[in-house]
C-alpha cells in the first residue's frame, strides 16, 4: 500500500457574514455540535473522533478560509513544509503550535491558485461513536480551479495525493483508502465548489436530508449516486450560500485501483447520476457552487 504523508481531510474553515445564523443552522439543522469558541470563531464537531470538522468565523462575506489536513508524522510535517515552500506557496504560519483548541503542531500556506491549506500533526482526538442521521466526519472538499491540471499536479507531486479518477470536468484525489478526499472541478474562477459530510449510511443520508428539508432548505441536487467514488449524495445550499453535501458509502480503494478517464465516465443523455433518478441540479445550487471565493487574508 502507498504510504501517504497526508492521512486525512480533518476540517474546513468558513467565513460567514452572520455567525449566529450559521452556528444555528449547522447545529440545529445539519447535525453538528459546538465544542469550542475562541473570539469570533466557533468550532463544531461531528460524531466521529475529530475534535472539530468545521470552523465558522465572522467575516464580511461567505468564503473558504482554510482546509485542514492531518499529517502522518512530525517528520512528514517538516518535509511537507519544505516541499510547499519549494513549490512557491506563500507561508502564512510556519511550523509551530496550532491556534485551534484541538492543539498539535501545524503550518499554514497558500497554494499558488489561492486556497489556504493547513497541515496538522498531533491534534487532540475525542472518543467518537456512530449516531444515525448525523455526520461522522468530513468526506471531501471540492475546489473550483481555472487550471485544474496544474492544481492536480500540485496535490500529487507536492502533497503526495494520488489521482483515482478523471471525469470530463473533475479530478478525484485520495490520501487514504477513501476514493477521494479532494475533488478539483474545472471552473472559470478559483474558489469553493462544496464541502461534503460523511453520513453513516444511505438511510442516514435520506433521513438527514428529510430533516433539512423539514427546516425549509430544499435539496439542490439528489438524492442520487455518483459515478467516480460510487457514493450516495444529497446537496443543499446553507443560509449563507455555501453548498454542502450529505454523502455515504464512499468507495474504498487501494493501489490496485485503476484510474479511469473522461471517456469512461459517460452517462446516457439526460442522466446526472449512477441510478438515473436524480433530477437536474437546481439553478440556485449551480450558482452557489461558483460563488464562494477564497479568503484574501
C-alpha atoms as a PDB file:
ATOM      1  CA  UNK A   1       0.000   0.000   0.000  1.00  0.00           C
ATOM      2  CA  UNK A   2       1.063   3.561  -0.660  1.00  0.00           C
ATOM      3  CA  UNK A   3       2.205   5.470   2.410  1.00  0.00           C
ATOM      4  CA  UNK A   4       0.623   8.904   2.315  1.00  0.00           C
ATOM      5  CA  UNK A   5       2.231  11.876   4.096  1.00  0.00           C
ATOM      6  CA  UNK A   6      -1.256  13.364   4.452  1.00  0.00           C
ATOM      7  CA  UNK A   7      -3.591  10.852   6.098  1.00  0.00           C
ATOM      8  CA  UNK A   8      -6.958  12.628   6.192  1.00  0.00           C
ATOM      9  CA  UNK A   9      -9.018  15.684   5.462  1.00  0.00           C
ATOM     10  CA  UNK A  10      -9.569  16.989   9.005  1.00  0.00           C
ATOM     11  CA  UNK A  11     -11.663  20.187   8.847  1.00  0.00           C
ATOM     12  CA  UNK A  12     -12.582  23.303   6.914  1.00  0.00           C
ATOM     13  CA  UNK A  13     -12.934  26.922   7.998  1.00  0.00           C
ATOM     14  CA  UNK A  14     -15.711  29.029   6.504  1.00  0.00           C
ATOM     15  CA  UNK A  15     -16.163  32.757   6.774  1.00  0.00           C
ATOM     16  CA  UNK A  16     -19.768  33.854   7.309  1.00  0.00           C
ATOM     17  CA  UNK A  17     -21.393  37.290   7.384  1.00  0.00           C
ATOM     18  CA  UNK A  18     -23.850  36.068  10.046  1.00  0.00           C
ATOM     19  CA  UNK A  19     -22.048  33.880  12.558  1.00  0.00           C
ATOM     20  CA  UNK A  20     -25.062  33.298  14.804  1.00  0.00           C
ATOM     21  CA  UNK A  21     -27.258  32.188  11.909  1.00  0.00           C
ATOM     22  CA  UNK A  22     -24.570  29.851  10.586  1.00  0.00           C
ATOM     23  CA  UNK A  23     -23.998  28.262  14.006  1.00  0.00           C
ATOM     24  CA  UNK A  24     -27.749  27.784  14.402  1.00  0.00           C
ATOM     25  CA  UNK A  25     -28.045  26.082  11.013  1.00  0.00           C
ATOM     26  CA  UNK A  26     -25.085  23.735  11.465  1.00  0.00           C
ATOM     27  CA  UNK A  27     -26.198  22.652  14.933  1.00  0.00           C
ATOM     28  CA  UNK A  28     -29.997  22.638  14.817  1.00  0.00           C
ATOM     29  CA  UNK A  29     -30.408  21.574  11.177  1.00  0.00           C
ATOM     30  CA  UNK A  30     -27.203  19.969   9.863  1.00  0.00           C
ATOM     31  CA  UNK A  31     -26.352  17.877  12.925  1.00  0.00           C
ATOM     32  CA  UNK A  32     -23.048  19.215  14.311  1.00  0.00           C
ATOM     33  CA  UNK A  33     -22.202  20.210  17.888  1.00  0.00           C
ATOM     34  CA  UNK A  34     -20.425  23.317  19.182  1.00  0.00           C
ATOM     35  CA  UNK A  35     -17.271  22.225  21.031  1.00  0.00           C
ATOM     36  CA  UNK A  36     -15.389  25.496  21.483  1.00  0.00           C
ATOM     37  CA  UNK A  37     -15.472  29.208  20.829  1.00  0.00           C
ATOM     38  CA  UNK A  38     -12.443  31.482  20.558  1.00  0.00           C
ATOM     39  CA  UNK A  39     -13.029  35.167  19.877  1.00  0.00           C
ATOM     40  CA  UNK A  40     -15.192  35.489  16.773  1.00  0.00           C
ATOM     41  CA  UNK A  41     -14.691  31.857  15.765  1.00  0.00           C
ATOM     42  CA  UNK A  42     -16.799  28.801  16.644  1.00  0.00           C
ATOM     43  CA  UNK A  43     -15.592  25.188  16.368  1.00  0.00           C
ATOM     44  CA  UNK A  44     -18.114  22.461  15.544  1.00  0.00           C
ATOM     45  CA  UNK A  45     -17.740  18.689  15.767  1.00  0.00           C
ATOM     46  CA  UNK A  46     -19.319  15.750  14.005  1.00  0.00           C
ATOM     47  CA  UNK A  47     -19.903  12.488  15.868  1.00  0.00           C
ATOM     48  CA  UNK A  48     -16.553  10.897  14.916  1.00  0.00           C
ATOM     49  CA  UNK A  49     -13.166  11.229  16.640  1.00  0.00           C
ATOM     50  CA  UNK A  50     -12.084  14.573  15.132  1.00  0.00           C
ATOM     51  CA  UNK A  51     -12.142  17.317  17.776  1.00  0.00           C
ATOM     52  CA  UNK A  52     -13.832  19.509  15.168  1.00  0.00           C
ATOM     53  CA  UNK A  53     -14.655  19.343  11.460  1.00  0.00           C
ATOM     54  CA  UNK A  54     -15.882  22.893  10.880  1.00  0.00           C
ATOM     55  CA  UNK A  55     -14.670  26.322  11.954  1.00  0.00           C
ATOM     56  CA  UNK A  56     -17.028  29.255  11.452  1.00  0.00           C
ATOM     57  CA  UNK A  57     -15.622  32.778  11.609  1.00  0.00           C
ATOM     58  CA  UNK A  58     -17.372  36.133  11.367  1.00  0.00           C
ATOM     59  CA  UNK A  59     -16.475  37.665   8.008  1.00  0.00           C
ATOM     60  CA  UNK A  60     -17.633  40.345   5.577  1.00  0.00           C
ATOM     61  CA  UNK A  61     -18.713  37.667   3.106  1.00  0.00           C
ATOM     62  CA  UNK A  62     -19.141  33.940   2.741  1.00  0.00           C
ATOM     63  CA  UNK A  63     -15.730  32.471   1.903  1.00  0.00           C
ATOM     64  CA  UNK A  64     -13.500  29.428   2.240  1.00  0.00           C
ATOM     65  CA  UNK A  65     -10.840  30.480   4.712  1.00  0.00           C
ATOM     66  CA  UNK A  66      -8.906  27.239   5.178  1.00  0.00           C
ATOM     67  CA  UNK A  67      -8.743  23.493   4.522  1.00  0.00           C
ATOM     68  CA  UNK A  68      -7.002  21.450   7.236  1.00  0.00           C
ATOM     69  CA  UNK A  69      -5.320  18.086   6.673  1.00  0.00           C
ATOM     70  CA  UNK A  70      -3.870  15.647   9.198  1.00  0.00           C
ATOM     71  CA  UNK A  71      -0.247  14.529   8.644  1.00  0.00           C
ATOM     72  CA  UNK A  72       1.207  11.110   9.479  1.00  0.00           C
ATOM     73  CA  UNK A  73       4.392  12.040  11.409  1.00  0.00           C
ATOM     74  CA  UNK A  74       6.357  15.071  12.638  1.00  0.00           C
ATOM     75  CA  UNK A  75       8.979  14.271  10.017  1.00  0.00           C
ATOM     76  CA  UNK A  76       6.364  14.395   7.264  1.00  0.00           C
ATOM     77  CA  UNK A  77       5.119  17.720   8.628  1.00  0.00           C
ATOM     78  CA  UNK A  78       8.595  19.193   8.212  1.00  0.00           C
ATOM     79  CA  UNK A  79       9.054  17.542   4.819  1.00  0.00           C
ATOM     80  CA  UNK A  80       5.721  18.847   3.518  1.00  0.00           C
ATOM     81  CA  UNK A  81       6.557  22.328   4.744  1.00  0.00           C
ATOM     82  CA  UNK A  82       9.815  22.305   2.785  1.00  0.00           C
ATOM     83  CA  UNK A  83       8.115  20.937  -0.329  1.00  0.00           C
ATOM     84  CA  UNK A  84       5.350  23.549  -0.275  1.00  0.00           C
ATOM     85  CA  UNK A  85       7.873  26.368   0.090  1.00  0.00           C
ATOM     86  CA  UNK A  86       9.901  24.998  -2.822  1.00  0.00           C
ATOM     87  CA  UNK A  87       6.699  24.789  -4.879  1.00  0.00           C
ATOM     88  CA  UNK A  88       6.151  28.523  -4.454  1.00  0.00           C
ATOM     89  CA  UNK A  89       3.466  28.512  -1.772  1.00  0.00           C
ATOM     90  CA  UNK A  90       3.139  31.598   0.434  1.00  0.00           C
ATOM     91  CA  UNK A  91       3.877  30.790   4.077  1.00  0.00           C
ATOM     92  CA  UNK A  92       1.154  32.169   6.356  1.00  0.00           C
ATOM     93  CA  UNK A  93       2.200  30.301   9.537  1.00  0.00           C
ATOM     94  CA  UNK A  94       5.477  28.441   9.977  1.00  0.00           C
ATOM     95  CA  UNK A  95       5.628  25.173  11.900  1.00  0.00           C
ATOM     96  CA  UNK A  96       4.519  25.773  15.469  1.00  0.00           C
ATOM     97  CA  UNK A  97       1.712  25.177  17.985  1.00  0.00           C
ATOM     98  CA  UNK A  98      -1.722  25.151  16.390  1.00  0.00           C
ATOM     99  CA  UNK A  99      -4.106  28.006  17.133  1.00  0.00           C
ATOM    100  CA  UNK A 100      -7.180  25.776  17.438  1.00  0.00           C
ATOM    101  CA  UNK A 101      -8.284  24.232  20.774  1.00  0.00           C
ATOM    102  CA  UNK A 102      -7.523  20.828  19.233  1.00  0.00           C
ATOM    103  CA  UNK A 103      -3.820  21.607  19.575  1.00  0.00           C
ATOM    104  CA  UNK A 104      -0.981  19.840  17.815  1.00  0.00           C
ATOM    105  CA  UNK A 105       1.716  21.276  15.578  1.00  0.00           C
ATOM    106  CA  UNK A 106       0.838  22.912  12.289  1.00  0.00           C
ATOM    107  CA  UNK A 107       1.881  25.083   9.387  1.00  0.00           C
ATOM    108  CA  UNK A 108      -0.326  27.104   7.063  1.00  0.00           C
ATOM    109  CA  UNK A 109       0.338  28.008   3.434  1.00  0.00           C
ATOM    110  CA  UNK A 110      -1.500  29.482   0.477  1.00  0.00           C
ATOM    111  CA  UNK A 111      -1.084  27.335  -2.624  1.00  0.00           C
ATOM    112  CA  UNK A 112      -0.451  29.082  -5.975  1.00  0.00           C
ATOM    113  CA  UNK A 113      -4.131  29.115  -7.028  1.00  0.00           C
ATOM    114  CA  UNK A 114      -5.219  30.810  -3.810  1.00  0.00           C
ATOM    115  CA  UNK A 115      -6.642  28.339  -1.305  1.00  0.00           C
ATOM    116  CA  UNK A 116      -5.267  28.324   2.240  1.00  0.00           C
ATOM    117  CA  UNK A 117      -4.123  24.890   3.444  1.00  0.00           C
ATOM    118  CA  UNK A 118      -3.234  23.868   7.000  1.00  0.00           C
ATOM    119  CA  UNK A 119      -1.291  20.711   7.858  1.00  0.00           C
ATOM    120  CA  UNK A 120      -1.540  19.397  11.426  1.00  0.00           C
ATOM    121  CA  UNK A 121       0.180  16.664  13.401  1.00  0.00           C
ATOM    122  CA  UNK A 122      -0.701  15.516  16.910  1.00  0.00           C
ATOM    123  CA  UNK A 123      -4.064  17.247  17.241  1.00  0.00           C
ATOM    124  CA  UNK A 124      -6.393  16.148  20.020  1.00  0.00           C
ATOM    125  CA  UNK A 125      -8.993  13.488  19.168  1.00  0.00           C
ATOM    126  CA  UNK A 126     -12.173  12.637  21.032  1.00  0.00           C
ATOM    127  CA  UNK A 127     -13.990   9.363  21.511  1.00  0.00           C
ATOM    128  CA  UNK A 128     -16.318   9.154  18.556  1.00  0.00           C
ATOM    129  CA  UNK A 129     -19.363   6.985  18.024  1.00  0.00           C
ATOM    130  CA  UNK A 130     -21.798   6.432  15.180  1.00  0.00           C
ATOM    131  CA  UNK A 131     -25.039   8.390  15.525  1.00  0.00           C
ATOM    132  CA  UNK A 132     -27.717   7.654  12.923  1.00  0.00           C
ATOM    133  CA  UNK A 133     -28.747  10.525  10.664  1.00  0.00           C
ATOM    134  CA  UNK A 134     -25.852  12.771  11.713  1.00  0.00           C
ATOM    135  CA  UNK A 135     -22.435  13.425  10.089  1.00  0.00           C
ATOM    136  CA  UNK A 136     -19.485  11.430  11.408  1.00  0.00           C
ATOM    137  CA  UNK A 137     -16.679  13.378   9.711  1.00  0.00           C
ATOM    138  CA  UNK A 138     -15.817  15.267   6.567  1.00  0.00           C
ATOM    139  CA  UNK A 139     -15.811  13.189   3.387  1.00  0.00           C
ATOM    140  CA  UNK A 140     -14.257  15.561   0.855  1.00  0.00           C
ATOM    141  CA  UNK A 141     -13.860  19.140  -0.213  1.00  0.00           C
ATOM    142  CA  UNK A 142     -14.441  20.152  -3.834  1.00  0.00           C
ATOM    143  CA  UNK A 143     -12.382  23.063  -5.147  1.00  0.00           C
ATOM    144  CA  UNK A 144     -13.058  25.055  -8.320  1.00  0.00           C
ATOM    145  CA  UNK A 145      -9.967  25.589 -10.448  1.00  0.00           C
ATOM    146  CA  UNK A 146      -9.347  27.521 -13.646  1.00  0.00           C
ATOM    147  CA  UNK A 147      -6.167  25.434 -14.108  1.00  0.00           C
ATOM    148  CA  UNK A 148      -7.203  22.011 -12.923  1.00  0.00           C
ATOM    149  CA  UNK A 149      -4.230  20.054 -14.265  1.00  0.00           C
ATOM    150  CA  UNK A 150      -1.734  22.331 -12.528  1.00  0.00           C
ATOM    151  CA  UNK A 151      -3.590  22.059  -9.220  1.00  0.00           C
ATOM    152  CA  UNK A 152      -3.915  18.296  -9.589  1.00  0.00           C
ATOM    153  CA  UNK A 153      -0.163  18.104 -10.164  1.00  0.00           C
ATOM    154  CA  UNK A 154       0.427  20.163  -7.001  1.00  0.00           C
ATOM    155  CA  UNK A 155      -1.677  17.802  -4.886  1.00  0.00           C
ATOM    156  CA  UNK A 156       0.043  14.766  -6.368  1.00  0.00           C
ATOM    157  CA  UNK A 157       3.677  15.841  -6.663  1.00  0.00           C
ATOM    158  CA  UNK A 158       3.956  18.142  -3.647  1.00  0.00           C
ATOM    159  CA  UNK A 159       1.399  16.791  -1.165  1.00  0.00           C
ATOM    160  CA  UNK A 160       1.566  13.099  -2.097  1.00  0.00           C
ATOM    161  CA  UNK A 161      -2.068  12.530  -3.103  1.00  0.00           C
ATOM    162  CA  UNK A 162      -2.967  10.030  -5.823  1.00  0.00           C
ATOM    163  CA  UNK A 163      -5.351  10.527  -8.730  1.00  0.00           C
ATOM    164  CA  UNK A 164      -8.160   7.970  -8.603  1.00  0.00           C
ATOM    165  CA  UNK A 165     -10.376   9.123 -11.469  1.00  0.00           C
ATOM    166  CA  UNK A 166     -10.666  11.946 -14.011  1.00  0.00           C
ATOM    167  CA  UNK A 167     -14.069  12.760 -15.452  1.00  0.00           C
ATOM    168  CA  UNK A 168     -14.646  15.405 -18.107  1.00  0.00           C
ATOM    169  CA  UNK A 169     -14.824  18.217 -15.560  1.00  0.00           C
ATOM    170  CA  UNK A 170     -13.342  16.832 -12.350  1.00  0.00           C
ATOM    171  CA  UNK A 171     -10.184  15.258 -10.895  1.00  0.00           C
ATOM    172  CA  UNK A 172     -10.588  12.961  -7.871  1.00  0.00           C
ATOM    173  CA  UNK A 173      -7.649  12.680  -5.452  1.00  0.00           C
ATOM    174  CA  UNK A 174      -7.099  10.477  -2.411  1.00  0.00           C
ATOM    175  CA  UNK A 175      -4.813  10.449   0.613  1.00  0.00           C
ATOM    176  CA  UNK A 176      -6.107   7.234   2.251  1.00  0.00           C
ATOM    177  CA  UNK A 177      -8.476   4.390   1.328  1.00  0.00           C
ATOM    178  CA  UNK A 178     -11.388   6.732   0.571  1.00  0.00           C
ATOM    179  CA  UNK A 179     -11.778   7.110  -3.193  1.00  0.00           C
ATOM    180  CA  UNK A 180     -11.332  10.862  -2.802  1.00  0.00           C
ATOM    181  CA  UNK A 181     -10.660  13.451  -0.103  1.00  0.00           C
ATOM    182  CA  UNK A 182     -10.183  16.328  -2.555  1.00  0.00           C
ATOM    183  CA  UNK A 183     -12.054  16.888  -5.806  1.00  0.00           C
ATOM    184  CA  UNK A 184     -10.982  19.544  -8.310  1.00  0.00           C
ATOM    185  CA  UNK A 185     -13.654  20.953 -10.604  1.00  0.00           C
ATOM    186  CA  UNK A 186     -12.965  22.856 -13.816  1.00  0.00           C
ATOM    187  CA  UNK A 187     -14.424  26.350 -13.458  1.00  0.00           C
ATOM    188  CA  UNK A 188     -13.904  29.889 -14.796  1.00  0.00           C
ATOM    189  CA  UNK A 189     -12.564  31.090 -11.424  1.00  0.00           C
ATOM    190  CA  UNK A 190     -10.877  29.509  -8.405  1.00  0.00           C
ATOM    191  CA  UNK A 191     -12.930  29.002  -5.248  1.00  0.00           C
ATOM    192  CA  UNK A 192     -15.044  26.591  -3.231  1.00  0.00           C
ATOM    193  CA  UNK A 193     -17.448  24.263  -5.014  1.00  0.00           C
ATOM    194  CA  UNK A 194     -18.796  22.382  -1.981  1.00  0.00           C
ATOM    195  CA  UNK A 195     -17.989  20.598   1.279  1.00  0.00           C
ATOM    196  CA  UNK A 196     -19.178  17.008   1.836  1.00  0.00           C
ATOM    197  CA  UNK A 197     -20.004  15.475   5.217  1.00  0.00           C
ATOM    198  CA  UNK A 198     -19.940  11.693   5.652  1.00  0.00           C
ATOM    199  CA  UNK A 199     -23.106  10.080   6.990  1.00  0.00           C
ATOM    200  CA  UNK A 200     -23.169   6.559   8.483  1.00  0.00           C
ATOM    201  CA  UNK A 201     -25.222   5.009   5.672  1.00  0.00           C
ATOM    202  CA  UNK A 202     -27.786   5.552   2.925  1.00  0.00           C
ATOM    203  CA  UNK A 203     -30.636   5.605   5.429  1.00  0.00           C
ATOM    204  CA  UNK A 204     -28.930   8.451   7.282  1.00  0.00           C
ATOM    205  CA  UNK A 205     -28.498  10.426   4.059  1.00  0.00           C
ATOM    206  CA  UNK A 206     -32.219  10.045   3.405  1.00  0.00           C
ATOM    207  CA  UNK A 207     -33.387  10.856   6.930  1.00  0.00           C
ATOM    208  CA  UNK A 208     -30.852  13.642   7.374  1.00  0.00           C
ATOM    209  CA  UNK A 209     -31.990  15.143   4.087  1.00  0.00           C
ATOM    210  CA  UNK A 210     -35.587  14.928   5.264  1.00  0.00           C
ATOM    211  CA  UNK A 211     -34.657  16.863   8.413  1.00  0.00           C
ATOM    212  CA  UNK A 212     -33.005  19.626   6.365  1.00  0.00           C
ATOM    213  CA  UNK A 213     -35.997  19.816   4.017  1.00  0.00           C
ATOM    214  CA  UNK A 214     -38.346  20.000   7.017  1.00  0.00           C
ATOM    215  CA  UNK A 215     -36.450  23.104   8.141  1.00  0.00           C
ATOM    216  CA  UNK A 216     -37.114  24.816   4.830  1.00  0.00           C
ATOM    217  CA  UNK A 217     -33.969  24.052   2.805  1.00  0.00           C
ATOM    218  CA  UNK A 218     -34.707  22.229  -0.467  1.00  0.00           C
ATOM    219  CA  UNK A 219     -32.442  19.587  -1.963  1.00  0.00           C
ATOM    220  CA  UNK A 220     -30.285  21.282  -4.596  1.00  0.00           C
ATOM    221  CA  UNK A 221     -29.242  18.026  -6.247  1.00  0.00           C
ATOM    222  CA  UNK A 222     -30.065  14.435  -5.393  1.00  0.00           C
ATOM    223  CA  UNK A 223     -30.661  12.122  -3.791  1.00  0.00           C
ATOM    224  CA  UNK A 224     -28.516  10.090  -6.184  1.00  0.00           C
ATOM    225  CA  UNK A 225     -25.362   8.026  -6.539  1.00  0.00           C
ATOM    226  CA  UNK A 226     -22.203   9.472  -8.085  1.00  0.00           C
ATOM    227  CA  UNK A 227     -20.091   7.733 -10.728  1.00  0.00           C
ATOM    228  CA  UNK A 228     -16.496   8.241  -9.519  1.00  0.00           C
ATOM    229  CA  UNK A 229     -16.437   7.188  -5.875  1.00  0.00           C
ATOM    230  CA  UNK A 230     -19.828   5.439  -6.110  1.00  0.00           C
ATOM    231  CA  UNK A 231     -21.062   7.499  -3.145  1.00  0.00           C
ATOM    232  CA  UNK A 232     -24.643   8.452  -2.371  1.00  0.00           C
ATOM    233  CA  UNK A 233     -25.255  12.211  -2.348  1.00  0.00           C
ATOM    234  CA  UNK A 234     -27.690  14.981  -1.464  1.00  0.00           C
ATOM    235  CA  UNK A 235     -26.676  18.622  -1.987  1.00  0.00           C
ATOM    236  CA  UNK A 236     -28.001  21.686  -0.156  1.00  0.00           C
ATOM    237  CA  UNK A 237     -27.213  25.401  -0.022  1.00  0.00           C
ATOM    238  CA  UNK A 238     -26.669  26.720   3.521  1.00  0.00           C
ATOM    239  CA  UNK A 239     -28.183  30.052   4.675  1.00  0.00           C
ATOM    240  CA  UNK A 240     -25.058  31.970   3.617  1.00  0.00           C
ATOM    241  CA  UNK A 241     -24.822  30.466   0.133  1.00  0.00           C
ATOM    242  CA  UNK A 242     -22.316  27.645   0.694  1.00  0.00           C
ATOM    243  CA  UNK A 243     -23.043  24.304  -0.989  1.00  0.00           C
ATOM    244  CA  UNK A 244     -22.833  21.351   1.389  1.00  0.00           C
ATOM    245  CA  UNK A 245     -23.412  17.665   0.810  1.00  0.00           C
ATOM    246  CA  UNK A 246     -24.518  14.657   2.796  1.00  0.00           C
ATOM    247  CA  UNK A 247     -22.789  11.565   1.426  1.00  0.00           C
ATOM    248  CA  UNK A 248     -22.291   7.893   2.339  1.00  0.00           C
ATOM    249  CA  UNK A 249     -20.898   4.616   1.017  1.00  0.00           C
ATOM    250  CA  UNK A 250     -17.739   6.167  -0.442  1.00  0.00           C
ATOM    251  CA  UNK A 251     -15.821   3.585  -2.459  1.00  0.00           C
ATOM    252  CA  UNK A 252     -12.768   2.184  -0.658  1.00  0.00           C
ATOM    253  CA  UNK A 253      -9.743   1.657  -2.904  1.00  0.00           C
ATOM    254  CA  UNK A 254      -6.138   0.503  -2.737  1.00  0.00           C
ATOM    255  CA  UNK A 255      -3.144   0.615  -5.065  1.00  0.00           C
ATOM    256  CA  UNK A 256      -4.751  -1.940  -7.389  1.00  0.00           C
ATOM    257  CA  UNK A 257      -7.484   0.532  -8.335  1.00  0.00           C
ATOM    258  CA  UNK A 258      -7.269   1.596 -11.972  1.00  0.00           C
ATOM    259  CA  UNK A 259      -7.899   5.281 -12.585  1.00  0.00           C
ATOM    260  CA  UNK A 260     -10.414   5.849 -15.372  1.00  0.00           C
ATOM    261  CA  UNK A 261     -10.605   8.844 -17.682  1.00  0.00           C
ATOM    262  CA  UNK A 262     -13.329  11.074 -19.171  1.00  0.00           C
ATOM    263  CA  UNK A 263     -14.053   8.660 -21.994  1.00  0.00           C
ATOM    264  CA  UNK A 264     -15.116   6.023 -19.447  1.00  0.00           C
ATOM    265  CA  UNK A 265     -17.201   8.294 -17.207  1.00  0.00           C
ATOM    266  CA  UNK A 266     -20.068   8.958 -19.606  1.00  0.00           C
ATOM    267  CA  UNK A 267     -23.779   8.949 -18.729  1.00  0.00           C
ATOM    268  CA  UNK A 268     -26.673   8.299 -21.094  1.00  0.00           C
ATOM    269  CA  UNK A 269     -28.406  11.514 -22.281  1.00  0.00           C
ATOM    270  CA  UNK A 270     -30.413  13.194 -19.509  1.00  0.00           C
ATOM    271  CA  UNK A 271     -28.868  11.227 -16.660  1.00  0.00           C
ATOM    272  CA  UNK A 272     -26.975  13.005 -13.880  1.00  0.00           C
ATOM    273  CA  UNK A 273     -26.214  10.107 -11.532  1.00  0.00           C
ATOM    274  CA  UNK A 274     -25.495   6.385 -11.494  1.00  0.00           C
ATOM    275  CA  UNK A 275     -29.061   5.394 -10.606  1.00  0.00           C
ATOM    276  CA  UNK A 276     -30.650   7.673 -13.171  1.00  0.00           C
ATOM    277  CA  UNK A 277     -33.181   9.080 -10.697  1.00  0.00           C
ATOM    278  CA  UNK A 278     -31.615  12.357  -9.520  1.00  0.00           C
ATOM    279  CA  UNK A 279     -33.356  15.373 -11.072  1.00  0.00           C
ATOM    280  CA  UNK A 280     -31.234  18.092 -12.666  1.00  0.00           C
ATOM    281  CA  UNK A 281     -29.277  20.282 -10.278  1.00  0.00           C
ATOM    282  CA  UNK A 282     -31.223  23.379  -9.202  1.00  0.00           C
ATOM    283  CA  UNK A 283     -30.232  26.778 -10.584  1.00  0.00           C
ATOM    284  CA  UNK A 284     -29.645  28.021  -7.023  1.00  0.00           C
ATOM    285  CA  UNK A 285     -27.246  25.161  -6.342  1.00  0.00           C
ATOM    286  CA  UNK A 286     -25.369  25.664  -9.619  1.00  0.00           C
ATOM    287  CA  UNK A 287     -24.982  29.389  -8.919  1.00  0.00           C
ATOM    288  CA  UNK A 288     -23.809  28.797  -5.351  1.00  0.00           C
ATOM    289  CA  UNK A 289     -21.181  26.294  -6.497  1.00  0.00           C
ATOM    290  CA  UNK A 290     -19.296  29.043  -8.328  1.00  0.00           C
ATOM    291  CA  UNK A 291     -19.972  31.942  -5.930  1.00  0.00           C
ATOM    292  CA  UNK A 292     -17.760  31.247  -2.896  1.00  0.00           C
ATOM    293  CA  UNK A 293     -14.205  32.568  -3.130  1.00  0.00           C
ATOM    294  CA  UNK A 294     -11.091  32.063  -1.044  1.00  0.00           C
ATOM    295  CA  UNK A 295     -10.226  34.241   1.897  1.00  0.00           C
ATOM    296  CA  UNK A 296      -7.859  37.057   0.967  1.00  0.00           C
ATOM    297  CA  UNK A 297      -6.164  37.138   4.352  1.00  0.00           C
END
